[in-house]
Amino acid sequence: MDVNSALAFSTLKEVANELLLVSTLDDLSTDFTKAQTLLESTTLFILSAILKYG
């Protein structure tokens, strides 16, 4: 999964409860988790670079 896909899944997760069936949410739960993990690691990388290099 790339960062753009992760952003899309993260955005979808915000409104998914109102748009999708519970079974579909269950099917997508792995993708939601992957997206969150990727975005968190990307954010940490960016923040550490900012702190290191100003």
Protein backbone atom coordinates (compact mmCIF):
# COMPACT_ATOMS: atom_id res chain seq x y z
CA MET A 1 0.00 0.00 0.00
CA ASP A 2 1.35 3.43 -0.88
CA VAL A 3 0.81 6.65 1.07
CA ASN A 4 -1.96 7.87 -1.25
CA SER A 5 -3.91 4.66 -0.75
CA ALA A 6 -3.34 4.88 2.98
CA LEU A 7 -4.75 8.40 3.00
CA ALA A 8 -7.78 7.22 1.05
CA PHE A 9 -8.44 4.35 3.46
CA SER A 10 -7.93 6.65 6.44
CA THR A 11 -10.46 9.09 5.01
CA LEU A 12 -12.93 6.32 4.22
CA LYS A 13 -12.65 4.96 7.75
CA GLU A 14 -13.85 8.30 9.13
CA VAL A 15 -17.23 7.96 7.41
CA ALA A 16 -17.40 4.24 6.70
CA ASN A 17 -19.81 3.44 9.55
CA GLU A 18 -22.46 5.58 7.89
CA LEU A 19 -21.79 4.36 4.34
CA LEU A 20 -20.92 0.68 4.44
CA LEU A 21 -22.38 -2.55 5.73
CA VAL A 22 -20.80 -4.15 8.79
CA SER A 23 -19.65 -7.10 6.70
CA THR A 24 -17.86 -4.74 4.31
CA LEU A 25 -16.23 -2.94 7.23
CA ASP A 26 -15.02 -6.30 8.52
CA ASP A 27 -13.56 -7.11 5.10
CA LEU A 28 -11.73 -3.76 5.03
CA SER A 29 -10.45 -3.86 8.62
CA THR A 30 -7.04 -5.22 7.55
CA ASP A 31 -6.68 -2.40 5.03
CA PHE A 32 -7.67 0.18 7.63
CA THR A 33 -5.01 -1.19 9.97
CA LYS A 34 -2.33 -1.20 7.26
CA ALA A 35 -3.21 2.37 6.35
CA GLN A 36 -3.00 3.54 9.95
CA THR A 37 0.35 1.81 10.46
CA LEU A 38 1.80 3.28 7.27
CA LEU A 39 0.61 6.80 8.04
CA GLU A 40 1.91 6.63 11.60
CA SER A 41 5.34 5.45 10.45
CA THR A 42 5.44 8.10 7.72
CA THR A 43 4.48 10.80 10.20
CA LEU A 44 7.14 9.64 12.66
CA PHE A 45 9.75 9.63 9.90
CA ILE A 46 8.86 13.16 8.83
CA LEU A 47 8.82 14.45 12.40
CA SER A 48 12.17 12.85 13.20
CA ALA A 49 13.71 14.41 10.07
CA ILE A 50 12.35 17.82 11.04
CA LEU A 51 13.76 17.49 14.54
CA LYS A 52 17.11 16.25 13.25
CA TYR A 53 17.61 18.70 10.40
CA GLY A 54 15.40 21.58 11.46
